[in-house]
Amino acid sequence: MNLFRLFRHPKHLKDLTPAEVAALSHATQPPVLLDVRTTAEFRLGHVGGALSFPLGHEDAIITNFSATQKVVLICKTGHRSQAAAASLFAAGFVDVSHLKKGMDQWRREGRPVTREN
């Protein structure tokens, strides 16, 4: 598998800032926030309301969510979310965004995180 191809930015993927993700999460019809980091990373801190679907488990996303749902993908730096987005677009998802620069940027901006025990 070509790793460059796996992690390149999909053409239709929308980049969102932490401020945009925070605003969307409080919208009347918020998107589904999906964190594609490892379960251990997720437990250490994630965006409130996000669900854990580690990279490589896109089939579970495809099974559990409609391809027409608005989806925001989150990872540590933005690279894994790009890879997950490519899989979702290939499966017919049409409204996929990601947190540009990931949780690293979220934390740099001092935004709140939720922790799991």
N, C-alpha and C. Protein backbone atom coordinates (compact mmCIF):
# COMPACT_ATOMS: atom_id res chain seq x y z
N MET A 1 0.84 -1.18 0.00
CA MET A 1 0.00 0.00 0.00
C MET A 1 0.89 1.24 0.00
N ASN A 2 0.52 2.21 -0.78
CA ASN A 2 1.26 3.46 -0.89
C ASN A 2 0.85 4.37 0.28
N LEU A 3 1.78 4.59 1.24
CA LEU A 3 1.44 5.39 2.42
C LEU A 3 1.16 6.84 2.07
N PHE A 4 1.87 7.39 1.06
CA PHE A 4 1.60 8.77 0.65
C PHE A 4 0.14 8.90 0.21
N ARG A 5 -0.32 7.95 -0.55
CA ARG A 5 -1.70 7.98 -1.03
C ARG A 5 -2.69 7.84 0.12
N LEU A 6 -2.35 6.98 1.09
CA LEU A 6 -3.23 6.74 2.23
C LEU A 6 -3.44 8.02 3.04
N PHE A 7 -2.39 8.82 3.23
CA PHE A 7 -2.47 9.97 4.11
C PHE A 7 -2.59 11.31 3.40
N ARG A 8 -2.82 11.31 2.10
CA ARG A 8 -2.99 12.61 1.44
C ARG A 8 -4.40 13.12 1.66
N HIS A 9 -4.55 14.41 1.50
CA HIS A 9 -5.81 15.10 1.78
C HIS A 9 -6.83 14.76 0.70
N PRO A 10 -7.94 14.07 1.05
CA PRO A 10 -8.97 13.79 0.05
C PRO A 10 -9.56 15.09 -0.51
N LYS A 11 -9.86 15.07 -1.78
CA LYS A 11 -10.31 16.26 -2.51
C LYS A 11 -11.51 16.95 -1.88
N HIS A 12 -12.49 16.21 -1.41
CA HIS A 12 -13.73 16.80 -0.90
C HIS A 12 -13.74 17.01 0.61
N LEU A 13 -12.63 16.69 1.27
CA LEU A 13 -12.56 16.82 2.72
C LEU A 13 -12.46 18.29 3.12
N LYS A 14 -13.35 18.71 4.03
CA LYS A 14 -13.34 20.09 4.51
C LYS A 14 -12.48 20.18 5.77
N ASP A 15 -11.58 21.16 5.79
CA ASP A 15 -10.75 21.44 6.97
C ASP A 15 -11.52 22.36 7.90
N LEU A 16 -11.59 22.00 9.18
CA LEU A 16 -12.26 22.83 10.17
C LEU A 16 -11.29 23.24 11.26
N THR A 17 -11.42 24.46 11.75
CA THR A 17 -10.63 24.93 12.88
C THR A 17 -11.30 24.44 14.17
N PRO A 18 -10.58 24.47 15.29
CA PRO A 18 -11.22 24.13 16.55
C PRO A 18 -12.45 25.00 16.84
N ALA A 19 -12.39 26.28 16.52
CA ALA A 19 -13.55 27.16 16.74
C ALA A 19 -14.75 26.70 15.92
N GLU A 20 -14.51 26.28 14.69
CA GLU A 20 -15.61 25.81 13.83
C GLU A 20 -16.20 24.50 14.36
N VAL A 21 -15.34 23.59 14.82
CA VAL A 21 -15.84 22.32 15.37
C VAL A 21 -16.66 22.59 16.63
N ALA A 22 -16.17 23.47 17.50
CA ALA A 22 -16.91 23.81 18.72
C ALA A 22 -18.27 24.41 18.38
N ALA A 23 -18.31 25.31 17.42
CA ALA A 23 -19.58 25.93 17.03
C ALA A 23 -20.54 24.90 16.44
N LEU A 24 -20.03 24.03 15.58
CA LEU A 24 -20.88 23.00 14.97
C LEU A 24 -21.44 22.05 16.01
N SER A 25 -20.65 21.74 17.02
CA SER A 25 -21.11 20.78 18.04
C SER A 25 -22.27 21.33 18.86
N HIS A 26 -22.48 22.64 18.81
CA HIS A 26 -23.60 23.26 19.53
C HIS A 26 -24.73 23.67 18.58
N ALA A 27 -24.64 23.28 17.33
CA ALA A 27 -25.66 23.63 16.34
C ALA A 27 -26.96 22.87 16.61
N THR A 28 -28.03 23.33 16.00
CA THR A 28 -29.33 22.67 16.14
C THR A 28 -29.25 21.21 15.69
N GLN A 29 -28.56 20.97 14.58
CA GLN A 29 -28.33 19.61 14.09
C GLN A 29 -26.82 19.39 14.01
N PRO A 30 -26.21 19.05 15.16
CA PRO A 30 -24.76 18.90 15.18
C PRO A 30 -24.29 17.70 14.36
N PRO A 31 -23.06 17.76 13.88
CA PRO A 31 -22.51 16.62 13.16
C PRO A 31 -22.16 15.50 14.13
N VAL A 32 -21.90 14.34 13.59
CA VAL A 32 -21.38 13.23 14.38
C VAL A 32 -19.87 13.47 14.49
N LEU A 33 -19.36 13.54 15.71
CA LEU A 33 -17.93 13.72 15.94
C LEU A 33 -17.31 12.35 16.16
N LEU A 34 -16.41 11.95 15.28
CA LEU A 34 -15.79 10.63 15.36
C LEU A 34 -14.28 10.78 15.53
N ASP A 35 -13.77 10.26 16.63
CA ASP A 35 -12.35 10.32 16.95
C ASP A 35 -11.70 9.04 16.46
N VAL A 36 -10.75 9.15 15.54
CA VAL A 36 -10.13 7.97 14.93
C VAL A 36 -8.77 7.63 15.53
N ARG A 37 -8.45 8.22 16.68
CA ARG A 37 -7.22 7.85 17.39
C ARG A 37 -7.42 6.51 18.09
N THR A 38 -6.36 6.01 18.70
CA THR A 38 -6.47 4.76 19.44
C THR A 38 -7.38 4.96 20.65
N THR A 39 -7.89 3.86 21.17
CA THR A 39 -8.74 3.92 22.36
C THR A 39 -7.99 4.56 23.52
N ALA A 40 -6.72 4.23 23.68
CA ALA A 40 -5.92 4.81 24.76
C ALA A 40 -5.80 6.32 24.60
N GLU A 41 -5.54 6.79 23.39
CA GLU A 41 -5.46 8.24 23.15
C GLU A 41 -6.80 8.91 23.47
N PHE A 42 -7.87 8.28 23.03
CA PHE A 42 -9.22 8.81 23.27
C PHE A 42 -9.48 8.98 24.76
N ARG A 43 -9.13 7.97 25.55
CA ARG A 43 -9.38 8.02 27.00
C ARG A 43 -8.61 9.13 27.69
N LEU A 44 -7.45 9.49 27.14
CA LEU A 44 -6.63 10.55 27.74
C LEU A 44 -7.21 11.94 27.52
N GLY A 45 -8.12 12.07 26.60
CA GLY A 45 -8.77 13.35 26.37
C GLY A 45 -9.28 13.49 24.96
N HIS A 46 -10.55 13.86 24.83
CA HIS A 46 -11.16 14.01 23.52
C HIS A 46 -12.16 15.16 23.54
N VAL A 47 -12.59 15.56 22.38
CA VAL A 47 -13.61 16.59 22.25
C VAL A 47 -14.90 16.05 22.85
N GLY A 48 -15.56 16.84 23.67
CA GLY A 48 -16.81 16.42 24.28
C GLY A 48 -17.83 16.00 23.23
N GLY A 49 -18.46 14.87 23.45
CA GLY A 49 -19.46 14.36 22.52
C GLY A 49 -18.91 13.49 21.42
N ALA A 50 -17.59 13.41 21.31
CA ALA A 50 -16.99 12.57 20.26
C ALA A 50 -17.12 11.09 20.62
N LEU A 51 -17.22 10.27 19.59
CA LEU A 51 -17.28 8.82 19.74
C LEU A 51 -15.98 8.23 19.23
N SER A 52 -15.52 7.17 19.86
CA SER A 52 -14.26 6.54 19.48
C SER A 52 -14.47 5.46 18.41
N PHE A 53 -13.83 5.67 17.26
CA PHE A 53 -13.80 4.70 16.16
C PHE A 53 -12.38 4.71 15.61
N PRO A 54 -11.44 3.95 16.23
CA PRO A 54 -10.04 4.01 15.81
C PRO A 54 -9.85 3.72 14.32
N LEU A 55 -8.84 4.38 13.74
CA LEU A 55 -8.50 4.18 12.34
C LEU A 55 -8.36 2.68 12.07
N GLY A 56 -8.92 2.24 10.98
CA GLY A 56 -8.93 0.82 10.65
C GLY A 56 -10.29 0.20 10.92
N HIS A 57 -11.16 0.94 11.60
CA HIS A 57 -12.51 0.46 11.91
C HIS A 57 -13.57 1.24 11.14
N GLU A 58 -13.21 1.71 9.96
CA GLU A 58 -14.16 2.48 9.15
C GLU A 58 -15.39 1.67 8.80
N ASP A 59 -15.27 0.35 8.71
CA ASP A 59 -16.44 -0.49 8.43
C ASP A 59 -17.51 -0.30 9.50
N ALA A 60 -17.09 -0.12 10.75
CA ALA A 60 -18.05 0.11 11.83
C ALA A 60 -18.75 1.45 11.66
N ILE A 61 -18.02 2.45 11.18
CA ILE A 61 -18.63 3.75 10.91
C ILE A 61 -19.66 3.60 9.80
N ILE A 62 -19.27 2.92 8.74
CA ILE A 62 -20.15 2.73 7.58
C ILE A 62 -21.42 1.98 7.98
N THR A 63 -21.27 1.01 8.88
CA THR A 63 -22.42 0.22 9.35
C THR A 63 -23.34 1.02 10.27
N ASN A 64 -22.76 1.86 11.12
CA ASN A 64 -23.53 2.54 12.16
C ASN A 64 -24.08 3.92 11.81
N PHE A 65 -23.61 4.50 10.70
CA PHE A 65 -24.03 5.85 10.35
C PHE A 65 -24.46 5.93 8.90
N SER A 66 -25.36 6.84 8.63
CA SER A 66 -25.83 7.06 7.26
C SER A 66 -24.79 7.84 6.47
N ALA A 67 -24.65 7.51 5.21
CA ALA A 67 -23.70 8.21 4.34
C ALA A 67 -24.09 9.66 4.12
N THR A 68 -25.32 10.03 4.49
CA THR A 68 -25.75 11.41 4.33
C THR A 68 -25.57 12.24 5.60
N GLN A 69 -25.18 11.59 6.70
CA GLN A 69 -24.95 12.33 7.94
C GLN A 69 -23.72 13.19 7.83
N LYS A 70 -23.76 14.35 8.47
CA LYS A 70 -22.59 15.22 8.55
C LYS A 70 -21.63 14.61 9.57
N VAL A 71 -20.39 14.36 9.15
CA VAL A 71 -19.39 13.71 9.99
C VAL A 71 -18.17 14.62 10.12
N VAL A 72 -17.67 14.75 11.35
CA VAL A 72 -16.41 15.44 11.59
C VAL A 72 -15.46 14.42 12.21
N LEU A 73 -14.33 14.21 11.55
CA LEU A 73 -13.32 13.26 12.02
C LEU A 73 -12.24 14.01 12.80
N ILE A 74 -11.75 13.35 13.84
CA ILE A 74 -10.75 13.95 14.72
C ILE A 74 -9.65 12.93 14.98
N CYS A 75 -8.40 13.39 14.93
CA CYS A 75 -7.27 12.56 15.34
C CYS A 75 -6.27 13.45 16.07
N LYS A 76 -5.02 13.03 16.18
CA LYS A 76 -4.02 13.82 16.91
C LYS A 76 -3.53 15.01 16.11
N THR A 77 -3.19 14.79 14.83
CA THR A 77 -2.57 15.85 14.03
C THR A 77 -3.32 16.17 12.74
N GLY A 78 -4.30 15.36 12.39
CA GLY A 78 -5.04 15.56 11.15
C GLY A 78 -4.73 14.54 10.07
N HIS A 79 -3.69 13.74 10.26
CA HIS A 79 -3.31 12.77 9.22
C HIS A 79 -4.19 11.53 9.21
N ARG A 80 -4.44 10.96 10.39
CA ARG A 80 -5.30 9.76 10.43
C ARG A 80 -6.73 10.10 10.02
N SER A 81 -7.18 11.29 10.36
CA SER A 81 -8.54 11.66 9.96
C SER A 81 -8.64 11.78 8.44
N GLN A 82 -7.57 12.19 7.78
CA GLN A 82 -7.57 12.24 6.31
C GLN A 82 -7.68 10.83 5.73
N ALA A 83 -6.96 9.88 6.33
CA ALA A 83 -7.02 8.50 5.86
C ALA A 83 -8.42 7.92 6.06
N ALA A 84 -9.01 8.18 7.22
CA ALA A 84 -10.37 7.69 7.48
C ALA A 84 -11.36 8.33 6.52
N ALA A 85 -11.18 9.62 6.25
CA ALA A 85 -12.08 10.33 5.32
C ALA A 85 -12.04 9.70 3.94
N ALA A 86 -10.86 9.33 3.48
CA ALA A 86 -10.74 8.70 2.16
C ALA A 86 -11.59 7.43 2.11
N SER A 87 -11.56 6.64 3.18
CA SER A 87 -12.38 5.41 3.23
C SER A 87 -13.86 5.73 3.22
N LEU A 88 -14.26 6.77 3.97
CA LEU A 88 -15.68 7.13 4.03
C LEU A 88 -16.16 7.68 2.69
N PHE A 89 -15.37 8.50 2.05
CA PHE A 89 -15.76 9.00 0.72
C PHE A 89 -15.89 7.84 -0.27
N ALA A 90 -14.97 6.88 -0.19
CA ALA A 90 -15.04 5.72 -1.09
C ALA A 90 -16.30 4.90 -0.84
N ALA A 91 -16.82 4.95 0.40
CA ALA A 91 -18.04 4.21 0.75
C ALA A 91 -19.31 5.01 0.47
N GLY A 92 -19.16 6.22 -0.08
CA GLY A 92 -20.32 7.00 -0.45
C GLY A 92 -20.72 8.11 0.50
N PHE A 93 -19.96 8.33 1.57
CA PHE A 93 -20.26 9.44 2.47
C PHE A 93 -20.04 10.75 1.72
N VAL A 94 -20.91 11.73 1.97
CA VAL A 94 -20.86 12.95 1.16
C VAL A 94 -20.52 14.21 1.95
N ASP A 95 -20.65 14.20 3.27
CA ASP A 95 -20.42 15.42 4.06
C ASP A 95 -19.44 15.11 5.19
N VAL A 96 -18.17 15.03 4.83
CA VAL A 96 -17.13 14.67 5.79
C VAL A 96 -16.15 15.84 5.94
N SER A 97 -15.91 16.20 7.18
CA SER A 97 -14.93 17.24 7.51
C SER A 97 -13.95 16.65 8.51
N HIS A 98 -12.87 17.40 8.79
CA HIS A 98 -11.97 16.96 9.85
C HIS A 98 -11.40 18.16 10.58
N LEU A 99 -10.97 17.91 11.81
CA LEU A 99 -10.34 18.94 12.63
C LEU A 99 -8.91 19.10 12.13
N LYS A 100 -8.67 20.19 11.41
CA LYS A 100 -7.33 20.45 10.86
C LYS A 100 -6.33 20.59 12.01
N LYS A 101 -5.25 19.88 11.90
CA LYS A 101 -4.18 19.82 12.91
C LYS A 101 -4.62 19.13 14.19
N GLY A 102 -5.80 18.52 14.17
CA GLY A 102 -6.25 17.59 15.19
C GLY A 102 -6.29 18.09 16.63
N MET A 103 -6.22 17.11 17.52
CA MET A 103 -6.27 17.40 18.96
C MET A 103 -5.08 18.23 19.40
N ASP A 104 -3.97 18.13 18.70
CA ASP A 104 -2.83 18.98 19.04
C ASP A 104 -3.23 20.45 18.99
N GLN A 105 -3.91 20.85 17.92
CA GLN A 105 -4.35 22.24 17.77
C GLN A 105 -5.45 22.56 18.78
N TRP A 106 -6.36 21.62 18.99
CA TRP A 106 -7.45 21.81 19.96
C TRP A 106 -6.86 22.16 21.33
N ARG A 107 -5.85 21.40 21.74
CA ARG A 107 -5.22 21.62 23.04
C ARG A 107 -4.40 22.90 23.06
N ARG A 108 -3.68 23.20 21.97
CA ARG A 108 -2.90 24.44 21.89
C ARG A 108 -3.79 25.66 22.14
N GLU A 109 -5.03 25.58 21.68
CA GLU A 109 -5.96 26.69 21.86
C GLU A 109 -6.64 26.67 23.23
N GLY A 110 -6.29 25.69 24.06
CA GLY A 110 -6.84 25.63 25.41
C GLY A 110 -8.30 25.23 25.48
N ARG A 111 -8.75 24.51 24.47
CA ARG A 111 -10.15 24.09 24.44
C ARG A 111 -10.36 22.91 25.39
N PRO A 112 -11.57 22.74 25.91
CA PRO A 112 -11.82 21.69 26.91
C PRO A 112 -11.77 20.29 26.30
N VAL A 113 -11.31 19.36 27.12
CA VAL A 113 -11.30 17.95 26.73
C VAL A 113 -12.06 17.14 27.77
N THR A 114 -12.61 16.04 27.32
CA THR A 114 -13.31 15.09 28.19
C THR A 114 -12.40 13.89 28.35
N ARG A 115 -12.28 13.40 29.57
CA ARG A 115 -11.43 12.24 29.84
C ARG A 115 -12.28 11.04 30.24
N GLU A 116 -11.81 9.86 29.86
CA GLU A 116 -12.47 8.60 30.23
C GLU A 116 -11.59 7.88 31.24
N ASN A 117 -12.19 7.15 32.15
CA ASN A 117 -11.42 6.36 33.13
C ASN A 117 -11.12 5.00 32.59
